[in-house]
Protein backbone atom coordinates (compact mmCIF):
# COMPACT_ATOMS: atom_id res chain seq x y z
CA UNK A 1 36.16 -19.13 62.24
CA UNK A 2 39.61 -19.00 62.87
CA UNK A 3 41.40 -21.71 65.29
CA UNK A 4 41.65 -18.97 67.97
CA UNK A 5 38.05 -17.98 67.55
CA UNK A 6 37.04 -21.70 68.04
CA UNK A 7 39.03 -21.68 71.21
CA UNK A 8 37.94 -18.42 72.57
CA UNK A 9 34.21 -19.37 71.87
CA UNK A 10 34.74 -22.46 74.34
CA UNK A 11 36.51 -20.46 76.67
CA UNK A 12 33.82 -17.75 76.78
CA UNK A 13 31.09 -20.37 77.36
CA UNK A 14 33.08 -21.75 80.35
CA UNK A 15 33.39 -18.21 81.81
CA UNK A 16 29.36 -17.93 81.51
CA UNK A 17 29.01 -21.22 83.20
CA UNK A 18 31.40 -20.35 85.95
CA UNK A 19 29.31 -17.18 86.58
CA UNK A 20 25.99 -19.07 86.75
CA UNK A 21 27.20 -21.70 89.07
CA UNK A 22 28.55 -18.91 91.28
CA UNK A 23 24.87 -17.75 91.92
CA UNK A 24 23.37 -20.91 92.42
CA UNK A 25 20.38 -19.90 94.65
CA UNK A 26 20.17 -23.34 96.58
CA UNK A 27 23.84 -23.13 97.53
CA UNK A 28 23.72 -19.61 98.24
CA UNK A 29 20.93 -20.10 100.84
CA UNK A 30 22.60 -22.93 102.02
CA UNK A 31 25.59 -20.89 102.84
CA UNK A 32 23.64 -18.02 104.59
CA UNK A 33 21.14 -19.78 106.83
CA UNK A 34 21.29 -22.71 109.16
CA UNK A 35 19.67 -23.99 112.44
CA UNK A 36 21.91 -24.16 115.52
CA UNK A 37 22.13 -23.76 119.15
CA UNK A 38 23.39 -20.45 120.38
CA UNK A 39 26.02 -20.83 123.08
CA UNK A 40 24.79 -17.92 125.12
CA UNK A 41 21.49 -19.52 126.04
CA UNK A 42 21.66 -22.96 124.54
CA UNK A 43 18.40 -21.96 122.70
CA UNK A 44 17.64 -23.47 119.25
CA UNK A 45 17.82 -20.71 116.69
CA UNK A 46 17.54 -19.88 113.06
CA UNK A 47 20.84 -18.17 112.18
CA UNK A 48 21.12 -16.10 109.10
CA UNK A 49 24.21 -14.34 108.03
CA UNK A 50 23.87 -10.88 106.08
CA UNK A 51 25.71 -7.60 105.15
CA UNK A 52 24.73 -4.31 106.61
CA UNK A 53 26.56 -1.11 105.49
CA UNK A 54 29.22 -3.60 104.14
CA UNK A 55 29.68 -5.43 107.11
CA UNK A 56 28.86 -9.06 107.92
CA UNK A 57 26.19 -9.48 110.55
CA UNK A 58 24.35 -12.26 112.14
CA UNK A 59 20.62 -12.33 112.54
CA UNK A 60 19.13 -14.81 114.98
CA UNK A 61 15.62 -15.88 115.45
CA UNK A 62 14.83 -17.69 118.71
CA UNK A 63 12.49 -20.61 117.39
CA UNK A 64 10.78 -21.02 120.88
CA UNK A 65 9.05 -17.58 119.89
CA UNK A 66 7.09 -19.12 116.80
CA UNK A 67 4.66 -21.72 116.56
CA UNK A 68 4.72 -21.87 112.65
CA UNK A 69 7.10 -20.74 109.71
CA UNK A 70 5.51 -19.82 106.53
CA UNK A 71 7.72 -19.96 103.35
CA UNK A 72 6.48 -17.71 100.37
CA UNK A 73 8.70 -17.40 97.28
CA UNK A 74 8.28 -15.81 93.78
CA UNK A 75 10.66 -15.04 91.01
CA UNK A 76 12.93 -17.00 88.58
CA UNK A 77 14.79 -18.69 91.15
CA UNK A 78 11.82 -19.23 93.62
CA UNK A 79 11.88 -23.07 93.52
CA UNK A 80 15.45 -23.51 94.44
CA UNK A 81 15.64 -20.70 96.92
CA UNK A 82 12.46 -22.19 98.56
CA UNK A 83 13.67 -25.97 98.57
CA UNK A 84 16.69 -24.75 100.11
CA UNK A 85 14.80 -23.01 103.00
CA UNK A 86 12.64 -25.85 103.39
CA UNK A 87 15.38 -28.32 103.75
CA UNK A 88 17.09 -26.07 106.28
CA UNK A 89 13.76 -25.71 108.48
CA UNK A 90 12.65 -29.42 108.28
CA UNK A 91 14.83 -30.17 111.16
CA UNK A 92 13.13 -27.21 113.27
CA UNK A 93 10.02 -29.13 114.39
CA UNK A 94 7.87 -26.29 113.51
CA UNK A 95 4.82 -26.33 111.48
CA UNK A 96 5.62 -25.28 107.97
CA UNK A 97 3.43 -24.18 105.14
CA UNK A 98 3.62 -21.75 102.18
CA UNK A 99 3.18 -20.98 98.54
CA UNK A 100 5.92 -20.66 95.72
CA UNK A 101 5.12 -19.00 92.43
CA UNK A 102 7.38 -20.43 89.76
CA UNK A 103 7.98 -19.54 86.17
CA UNK A 104 6.63 -22.26 83.98
CA UNK A 105 9.12 -25.00 83.75
CA UNK A 106 11.47 -23.31 86.24
CA UNK A 107 11.37 -26.02 88.89
CA UNK A 108 12.62 -29.49 88.82
CA UNK A 109 10.68 -32.79 89.87
CA UNK A 110 12.59 -32.99 92.91
CA UNK A 111 12.13 -29.46 93.96
CA UNK A 112 8.37 -29.73 93.66
CA UNK A 113 8.51 -32.95 95.77
CA UNK A 114 10.67 -31.55 98.51
CA UNK A 115 8.45 -28.59 98.71
CA UNK A 116 5.19 -30.69 98.64
CA UNK A 117 6.61 -32.94 101.48
CA UNK A 118 7.10 -29.90 103.63
CA UNK A 119 3.44 -28.49 102.93
CA UNK A 120 4.46 -25.99 100.58
CA UNK A 121 2.53 -25.77 97.31
CA UNK A 122 3.75 -24.82 93.98
CA UNK A 123 2.04 -22.51 91.37
CA UNK A 124 3.33 -22.16 88.03
CA UNK A 125 2.59 -18.58 86.05
CA UNK A 126 3.56 -16.62 83.29
CA UNK A 127 6.61 -14.38 82.63
CA UNK A 128 7.39 -11.71 81.85
CA UNK A 129 3.69 -10.82 81.23
CA UNK A 130 1.46 -12.09 84.00
CA UNK A 131 -1.50 -14.21 83.52
CA UNK A 132 -4.33 -15.49 85.90
CA UNK A 133 -2.14 -17.99 87.52
CA UNK A 134 0.01 -15.27 88.81
CA UNK A 135 -3.02 -13.47 90.34
CA UNK A 136 -4.04 -16.71 91.95
CA UNK A 137 -0.79 -17.29 93.34
CA UNK A 138 -0.21 -13.66 94.61
CA UNK A 139 -3.48 -13.78 96.25
CA UNK A 140 -2.74 -17.14 98.00
CA UNK A 141 0.35 -15.27 99.27
CA UNK A 142 -1.50 -12.49 100.58
CA UNK A 143 -4.06 -14.64 102.33
CA UNK A 144 -1.28 -16.55 104.15
CA UNK A 145 0.35 -13.22 105.07
CA UNK A 146 -3.14 -12.01 106.55
CA UNK A 147 -3.59 -14.89 108.47
CA UNK A 148 -0.31 -14.90 110.34
CA UNK A 149 0.19 -13.32 113.95
CA UNK A 150 2.94 -12.64 116.11
CA UNK A 151 3.85 -16.25 116.70
CA UNK A 152 4.45 -16.63 113.00
CA UNK A 153 7.92 -16.32 111.08
CA UNK A 154 7.39 -15.34 107.39
CA UNK A 155 10.21 -16.15 105.29
CA UNK A 156 10.04 -14.56 101.83
CA UNK A 157 12.39 -15.74 99.08
CA UNK A 158 12.52 -13.14 96.28
CA UNK A 159 14.34 -13.09 92.98
CA UNK A 160 14.34 -11.29 89.59
CA UNK A 161 11.00 -11.82 87.65
CA UNK A 162 8.97 -11.63 91.04
CA UNK A 163 7.20 -8.54 89.74
CA UNK A 164 5.38 -10.37 86.91
CA UNK A 165 4.80 -13.64 88.84
CA UNK A 166 3.46 -12.00 92.20
CA UNK A 167 0.74 -10.06 90.66
CA UNK A 168 -2.41 -9.02 92.41
CA UNK A 169 -4.19 -5.97 90.73
CA UNK A 170 -5.27 -3.02 92.94
CA UNK A 171 -8.80 -2.13 92.47
CA UNK A 172 -10.43 -1.22 90.04
CA UNK A 173 -7.73 -2.35 87.77
CA UNK A 174 -8.15 -6.01 86.24
CA UNK A 175 -5.38 -8.50 85.07
CA UNK A 176 -5.93 -7.35 81.59
CA UNK A 177 -4.97 -3.69 82.52
CA UNK A 178 -1.70 -5.16 84.22
CA UNK A 179 -0.83 -7.48 81.20
CA UNK A 180 -1.20 -4.38 78.73
CA UNK A 181 0.93 -2.23 81.41
CA UNK A 182 3.69 -4.91 81.51
CA UNK A 183 3.77 -5.34 77.89
CA UNK A 184 3.95 -1.57 77.25
CA UNK A 185 6.67 -0.91 79.99
CA UNK A 186 8.69 -3.74 78.52
CA UNK A 187 8.31 -2.24 74.90
CA UNK A 188 9.10 1.23 76.05
CA UNK A 189 12.69 0.40 76.93
CA UNK A 190 12.09 1.39 80.40
CA UNK A 191 15.05 -0.07 83.01
CA UNK A 192 13.68 -2.54 85.24
CA UNK A 193 14.30 -0.37 88.20
CA UNK A 194 12.02 2.34 86.82
CA UNK A 195 9.46 0.04 85.81
CA UNK A 196 8.91 -1.03 89.38
CA UNK A 197 8.23 2.23 90.45
CA UNK A 198 5.18 2.31 88.36
CA UNK A 199 4.33 -1.39 89.11
CA UNK A 200 4.11 -1.21 92.93
CA UNK A 201 1.36 1.44 92.65
CA UNK A 202 -0.79 -0.80 90.63
CA UNK A 203 -0.86 -3.76 92.92
CA UNK A 204 -1.83 -5.13 96.45
CA UNK A 205 1.52 -6.81 97.45
CA UNK A 206 4.21 -4.36 96.09
CA UNK A 207 6.12 -1.70 97.83
CA UNK A 208 6.05 -3.01 101.10
CA UNK A 209 2.51 -4.21 101.23
CA UNK A 210 3.34 -7.92 101.73
CA UNK A 211 5.18 -7.18 104.81
CA UNK A 212 2.42 -5.07 106.10
CA UNK A 213 -0.20 -7.58 105.40
CA UNK A 214 1.91 -9.85 107.65
CA UNK A 215 2.18 -7.62 110.50
CA UNK A 216 2.58 -8.25 113.28
CA UNK A 217 4.44 -11.42 112.18
CA UNK A 218 8.10 -11.22 111.92
CA UNK A 219 9.25 -11.27 108.17
CA UNK A 220 12.70 -12.38 106.89
CA UNK A 221 13.30 -11.70 103.28
CA UNK A 222 16.01 -13.47 101.40
CA UNK A 223 17.00 -11.73 98.12
CA UNK A 224 18.73 -12.95 94.92
CA UNK A 225 19.13 -9.44 93.09
CA UNK A 226 18.93 -8.96 89.46
CA UNK A 227 19.05 -5.25 89.52
CA UNK A 228 22.13 -2.96 89.12
CA UNK A 229 23.17 -1.70 92.71
CA UNK A 230 20.82 -4.22 94.50
CA UNK A 231 18.20 -1.65 95.53
CA UNK A 232 15.88 -3.58 98.06
CA UNK A 233 12.92 -1.46 97.38
CA UNK A 234 12.89 -2.33 93.53
CA UNK A 235 13.84 -5.90 93.40
CA UNK A 236 10.42 -7.69 92.56
CA UNK A 237 9.00 -4.14 93.39
CA UNK A 238 10.13 -4.28 96.89
CA UNK A 239 7.34 -6.32 98.49
CA UNK A 240 8.74 -6.57 102.00
CA UNK A 241 10.64 -3.29 102.53
CA UNK A 242 9.41 0.31 102.95
CA UNK A 243 9.11 2.36 99.84
CA UNK A 244 10.59 5.77 101.10
CA UNK A 245 12.12 6.78 97.67
CA UNK A 246 9.15 6.94 95.30
CA UNK A 247 5.85 8.19 95.12
CA UNK A 248 2.76 8.74 92.79
CA UNK A 249 4.52 11.83 91.37
CA UNK A 250 7.51 9.67 90.39
CA UNK A 251 5.49 7.17 88.80
CA UNK A 252 3.62 9.78 86.60
CA UNK A 253 6.85 11.58 85.67
CA UNK A 254 8.04 8.13 84.34
CA UNK A 255 4.81 7.62 82.38
CA UNK A 256 5.38 10.92 80.62
CA UNK A 257 9.04 10.59 79.95
CA UNK A 258 8.68 7.16 78.11
CA UNK A 259 5.79 8.14 76.08
CA UNK A 260 3.35 5.81 78.20
CA UNK A 261 0.44 8.41 78.57
CA UNK A 262 -2.56 9.07 76.33
CA UNK A 263 -1.12 12.04 74.60
CA UNK A 264 0.38 10.60 71.55
CA UNK A 265 2.79 8.09 73.42
CA UNK A 266 3.91 5.00 71.27
CA UNK A 267 3.02 2.55 74.26
CA UNK A 268 0.14 4.20 76.09
CA UNK A 269 -0.94 2.47 79.19
CA UNK A 270 -4.73 1.59 79.54
CA UNK A 271 -7.07 4.25 80.53
CA UNK A 272 -7.85 2.89 83.96
CA UNK A 273 -4.22 2.86 84.91
CA UNK A 274 -3.53 6.29 83.83
CA UNK A 275 -6.66 7.41 85.93
CA UNK A 276 -5.40 5.51 88.88
CA UNK A 277 -2.09 7.14 88.54
CA UNK A 278 -3.78 10.62 88.36
CA UNK A 279 -5.86 10.14 91.39
CA UNK A 280 -2.78 8.95 93.36
CA UNK A 281 -1.09 11.98 92.24
CA UNK A 282 -4.04 14.34 93.49
CA UNK A 283 -3.57 12.65 96.91
CA UNK A 284 -6.99 10.81 96.67
CA UNK A 285 -5.38 7.30 96.90
CA UNK A 286 -3.31 5.86 99.74
CA UNK A 287 0.35 5.33 98.63
CA UNK A 288 2.94 2.48 99.43
CA UNK A 289 3.89 2.00 103.23
CA UNK A 290 6.81 4.03 104.47
CA UNK A 291 9.38 3.46 107.23
CA UNK A 292 7.11 4.70 109.71
CA UNK A 293 4.82 1.83 109.59
CA UNK A 294 5.36 -0.53 112.56
CA UNK A 295 6.17 -3.36 110.57
CA UNK A 296 9.36 -1.69 109.68
CA UNK A 297 10.09 0.69 112.63
CA UNK A 298 10.04 -1.58 115.54
CA UNK A 299 13.49 -2.31 117.39
CA UNK A 300 14.64 -4.90 116.75
CA UNK A 301 12.75 -4.56 113.42
CA UNK A 302 10.15 -7.07 112.70
CA UNK A 303 11.32 -7.11 108.86
CA UNK A 304 14.79 -7.98 108.00
CA UNK A 305 16.17 -8.53 104.55
CA UNK A 306 19.44 -10.34 103.61
CA UNK A 307 21.10 -10.31 100.08
CA UNK A 308 22.14 -14.01 99.08
CA UNK A 309 23.34 -13.32 95.78
CA UNK A 310 23.96 -10.56 92.98
CA UNK A 311 25.59 -9.98 89.51
CA UNK A 312 28.90 -8.86 91.12
CA UNK A 313 29.36 -12.37 92.45
CA UNK A 314 28.53 -13.87 89.03
CA UNK A 315 30.92 -11.39 87.19
CA UNK A 316 33.80 -12.07 89.61
CA UNK A 317 33.34 -15.82 89.14
CA UNK A 318 33.68 -15.26 85.39
CA UNK A 319 36.92 -13.43 85.81
CA UNK A 320 38.41 -16.10 88.12
CA UNK A 321 37.62 -18.56 85.28
CA UNK A 322 39.14 -16.27 82.77
CA UNK A 323 42.31 -16.09 84.88
CA UNK A 324 42.58 -19.83 85.25
CA UNK A 325 42.20 -20.29 81.43
CA UNK A 326 45.28 -17.86 80.94
CA UNK A 327 43.63 -14.39 80.00
CA UNK A 328 44.22 -11.26 81.72
CA UNK A 329 40.74 -10.47 83.14
CA UNK A 330 39.46 -6.91 83.20
CA UNK A 331 36.09 -6.26 85.17
CA UNK A 332 34.43 -3.25 83.53
CA UNK A 333 31.74 -3.11 86.15
CA UNK A 334 28.36 -4.44 87.17
CA UNK A 335 26.23 -1.26 86.62
CA UNK A 336 26.21 -1.66 82.79
CA UNK A 337 23.03 -0.30 81.18
CA UNK A 338 21.65 1.39 78.31
CA UNK A 339 20.46 0.30 74.81
CA UNK A 340 21.90 -2.92 73.86
CA UNK A 341 22.88 -1.96 70.49
CA UNK A 342 24.90 1.20 71.85
CA UNK A 343 26.66 -1.03 74.50
CA UNK A 344 27.60 -3.66 71.92
CA UNK A 345 29.40 -0.61 69.91
CA UNK A 346 31.33 0.11 73.09
CA UNK A 347 32.69 -3.56 73.56
CA UNK A 348 33.77 -3.73 69.90
CA UNK A 349 35.52 -0.39 70.14
CA UNK A 350 37.46 -1.53 73.23
CA UNK A 351 38.11 -4.94 71.44
CA UNK A 352 39.47 -3.04 68.58
CA UNK A 353 41.91 -0.88 70.82
CA UNK A 354 43.22 -3.95 72.41
CA UNK A 355 43.61 -5.85 69.10
CA UNK A 356 46.01 -2.93 67.91
CA UNK A 357 48.63 -4.40 70.39
CA UNK A 358 49.14 -7.45 67.96
CA UNK A 359 50.95 -5.57 65.50
CA UNK A 360 53.00 -3.27 67.72
CA UNK A 361 56.85 -3.56 68.02
CA UNK A 362 57.90 -4.41 71.39
CA UNK A 363 59.94 -1.65 72.93
CA UNK A 364 63.24 -2.21 74.86
CA UNK A 365 61.59 -2.43 78.28
CA UNK A 366 59.24 -5.03 77.01
CA UNK A 367 56.07 -2.81 76.61
CA UNK A 368 54.11 -2.27 73.62
CA UNK A 369 51.80 0.62 74.60
CA UNK A 370 52.10 2.67 77.82
CA UNK A 371 48.37 3.11 77.83
CA UNK A 372 46.89 -0.38 77.10
CA UNK A 373 44.09 -1.79 79.21
CA UNK A 374 46.00 -5.22 79.78
CA UNK A 375 48.20 -7.48 77.79
CA UNK A 376 46.80 -9.89 75.44
CA UNK A 377 45.12 -12.27 75.84
CA UNK A 378 42.35 -10.24 77.41
CA UNK A 379 39.10 -11.05 78.90
CA UNK A 380 36.56 -8.01 79.23
CA UNK A 381 33.85 -9.00 81.73
CA UNK A 382 31.00 -6.80 82.78
CA UNK A 383 27.61 -7.34 84.21
CA UNK A 384 24.31 -5.31 84.41
CA UNK A 385 21.11 -5.11 82.43
CA UNK A 386 20.69 -3.38 79.06
CA UNK A 387 17.45 -2.50 77.40
CA UNK A 388 15.85 -2.71 73.89
CA UNK A 389 13.35 -0.07 72.79
CA UNK A 390 10.91 -1.63 70.35
CA UNK A 391 8.84 0.60 67.99
CA UNK A 392 5.09 0.08 67.85
CA UNK A 393 4.03 -2.68 65.48
CA UNK A 394 7.46 -4.25 65.49
CA UNK A 395 6.94 -8.00 65.75
CA UNK A 396 10.55 -9.38 65.92
CA UNK A 397 11.78 -12.06 68.50
CA UNK A 398 14.76 -11.97 70.67
CA UNK A 399 16.07 -10.42 74.06
CA UNK A 400 18.65 -7.82 75.07
CA UNK A 401 21.47 -10.24 74.97
CA UNK A 402 20.83 -11.61 71.59
CA UNK A 403 20.27 -7.94 70.28
CA UNK A 404 23.82 -7.07 71.95
CA UNK A 405 25.32 -9.81 70.27
CA UNK A 406 23.94 -9.14 66.74
CA UNK A 407 24.97 -5.48 66.84
CA UNK A 408 28.55 -6.61 68.14
CA UNK A 409 28.68 -9.12 65.12
CA UNK A 410 27.84 -6.53 62.60
CA UNK A 411 30.29 -4.06 63.64
CA UNK A 412 33.03 -6.72 64.12
CA UNK A 413 32.31 -7.40 60.40
CA UNK A 414 32.31 -3.39 59.51
CA UNK A 415 35.91 -3.11 60.71
CA UNK A 416 37.14 -6.56 59.81
CA UNK A 417 38.07 -7.48 63.35
CA UNK A 418 38.94 -11.10 63.92
CA UNK A 419 40.26 -13.23 66.77
CA UNK A 420 37.59 -11.55 68.91
CA UNK A 421 34.63 -13.15 70.57
CA UNK A 422 31.67 -11.50 72.45
CA UNK A 423 29.20 -13.44 74.36
CA UNK A 424 26.05 -11.99 76.30
CA UNK A 425 24.16 -14.04 78.32
CA UNK A 426 21.18 -13.65 80.93
CA UNK A 427 21.88 -15.81 84.07
CA UNK A 428 18.32 -17.01 84.26
CA UNK A 429 18.65 -19.01 80.82
CA UNK A 430 15.91 -17.11 79.22
CA UNK A 431 16.61 -14.01 77.28
CA UNK A 432 13.22 -12.13 76.42
CA UNK A 433 10.25 -14.62 75.39
CA UNK A 434 12.91 -17.21 73.98
CA UNK A 435 14.39 -20.41 74.64
CA UNK A 436 17.90 -18.95 74.52
CA UNK A 437 19.86 -17.27 77.17
CA UNK A 438 21.87 -15.16 74.90
CA UNK A 439 24.34 -15.33 72.03
CA UNK A 440 27.93 -15.50 71.24
CA UNK A 441 29.69 -14.04 68.03
CA UNK A 442 32.93 -13.46 66.22
CA UNK A 443 34.17 -11.42 63.39
CA UNK A 444 32.88 -13.88 60.60
CA UNK A 445 29.38 -14.54 62.35
CA UNK A 446 27.44 -12.06 60.10
CA UNK A 447 28.89 -13.67 56.72
CA UNK A 448 28.67 -17.36 58.07
CA UNK A 449 24.98 -16.97 58.68
CA UNK A 450 24.20 -15.06 55.66
CA UNK A 451 25.65 -17.42 53.33
CA UNK A 452 23.95 -20.45 55.22
CA UNK A 453 20.77 -18.81 54.40
CA UNK A 454 18.62 -19.10 51.38
CA UNK A 455 18.78 -16.03 48.92
CA UNK A 456 16.24 -13.47 50.18
CA UNK A 457 16.01 -14.58 53.48
CA UNK A 458 16.58 -12.41 56.83
CA UNK A 459 20.03 -10.30 56.81
CA UNK A 460 21.84 -9.16 59.75
CA UNK A 461 20.58 -5.45 59.11
CA UNK A 462 17.25 -6.39 58.48
CA UNK A 463 17.26 -8.46 61.68
CA UNK A 464 18.36 -5.34 63.76
CA UNK A 465 15.73 -3.26 62.28
CA UNK A 466 13.14 -5.59 62.94
CA UNK A 467 14.59 -6.71 66.70
CA UNK A 468 14.67 -10.23 65.27
CA UNK A 469 18.10 -11.65 66.54
CA UNK A 470 16.41 -14.76 67.48
CA UNK A 471 15.60 -15.90 64.07
CA UNK A 472 18.80 -14.49 62.49
CA UNK A 473 20.83 -16.70 64.91
CA UNK A 474 18.53 -19.72 65.04
CA UNK A 475 18.54 -20.04 61.22
CA UNK A 476 22.10 -21.03 61.31
CA UNK A 477 22.23 -23.12 64.38
CA UNK A 478 22.14 -26.29 62.42
CA UNK A 479 25.78 -25.66 61.66
CA UNK A 480 28.63 -27.11 63.73
CA UNK A 481 29.09 -23.76 65.89
CA UNK A 482 25.76 -22.60 67.00
CA UNK A 483 25.40 -18.87 67.99
CA UNK A 484 22.56 -18.96 70.37
CA UNK A 485 23.59 -19.90 74.02
CA UNK A 486 20.87 -22.56 75.22
CA UNK A 487 21.57 -23.30 78.89
CA UNK A 488 17.70 -23.99 79.74
CA UNK A 489 16.40 -22.47 83.05
CA UNK A 490 19.15 -22.20 85.37
CA UNK A 491 17.24 -21.70 88.50
CA UNK A 492 18.94 -18.25 89.17
CA UNK A 493 18.64 -14.79 87.89
CA UNK A 494 21.16 -11.99 88.70
CA UNK A 495 20.89 -9.94 85.28
CA UNK A 496 23.26 -10.43 82.66
CA UNK A 497 27.03 -11.14 82.06
CA UNK A 498 28.88 -10.25 78.98
CA UNK A 499 32.15 -11.59 77.96
CA UNK A 500 34.65 -9.89 75.47
CA UNK A 501 37.84 -11.85 74.58
CA UNK A 502 40.80 -10.75 72.42
CA UNK A 503 43.95 -12.65 71.63
């Protein structure tokens, strides 16, 4: 590793850290919501600031209209979001209760204690594949919703990962059916927003059904978005918003497109799931609720949604940190998707073009290339969520960020490109079913790891074929420059951030 690469590695990690801190869910909710006295009528109100059509607006809830407030929360950031909400509500004098479903080990002792003191129970569950605990927690939340009335305010705190954690199978489906379905969807390479079109038709709470279960209660939803473009009907499968943009037909088309049907598909869904989708397509089953349902069409609306954080905020924080560290930041966007290995090649190609500025003669006007993206040193910063399509029978371990980094390392070696560092990281701190958030590489990473491994052990190309980036990187993490990024659970989740540095 060159001296420049060592410094850039430290800089990239600082940018990643800045991006995660910027979308801290506890701080985000504290910024968006408070209890105050309205100057017009001197009534105590819950005041929430949100955006509608790009403009800031204020939502006020007259607390005298409610006897109790229920907090329900699910997703990777659920503990932090619910803790901030409970802390704000504790001064309201209202009866508070609720249920929070967390991913295992994604809540601190302090958060659990605070929630317990506010009569809010915490239910750990599995992610990304749901388990029996997911069903138990989801059913508890649905029962609370059904037990609500017009004097109840339900506050739903939702973040990425909520689809797996809030899981109540629609009859006659079983948990095993949904577990197999989730595993197949993940392995198929289907983007998360498309997965959720299928998921919301297989369960009791998704696709607006949590909100309609709570009707006629008022429902305020606070969302930390993990999906490109922040589509409210798809984040955690949209449990509190109407499902106007998809139907049974859309779900069936996706099943066929991604080889999930029974006719020779690599990742066929369980027979019971395919049969349910078929009945729905034939009009024999009720679909998800639309905007015409009274839970959504009253004026003022009973159900309102506020975005409290997203990938754009994380990316801009990384760019600001890059600027502070002396780089010229270039934001490539927050809608980056596609196969991780393909996206890696694009980042390396950009880095290669930028690196050519090093050897160009400076012209009389001080420029080196009239078409350059930016002057060196450059930080290319992007956000979004890539995918990995896993063939049947593959037993490798890793996640989309680790796979992106591994392919980037291979391509950097192929073109002998140095003084470039690429880091890709999931903001939630867990990339796939691993304890790593992502990985960071340079042009010598492949040689360095392969030389450190015993003869005959996993090579970079073998790891890519087996989708086994985790073991390739982890085997070399005993050296002084680990390649896996281990943040631990961050308490937030707004998809991924990728940093490409060129000096």
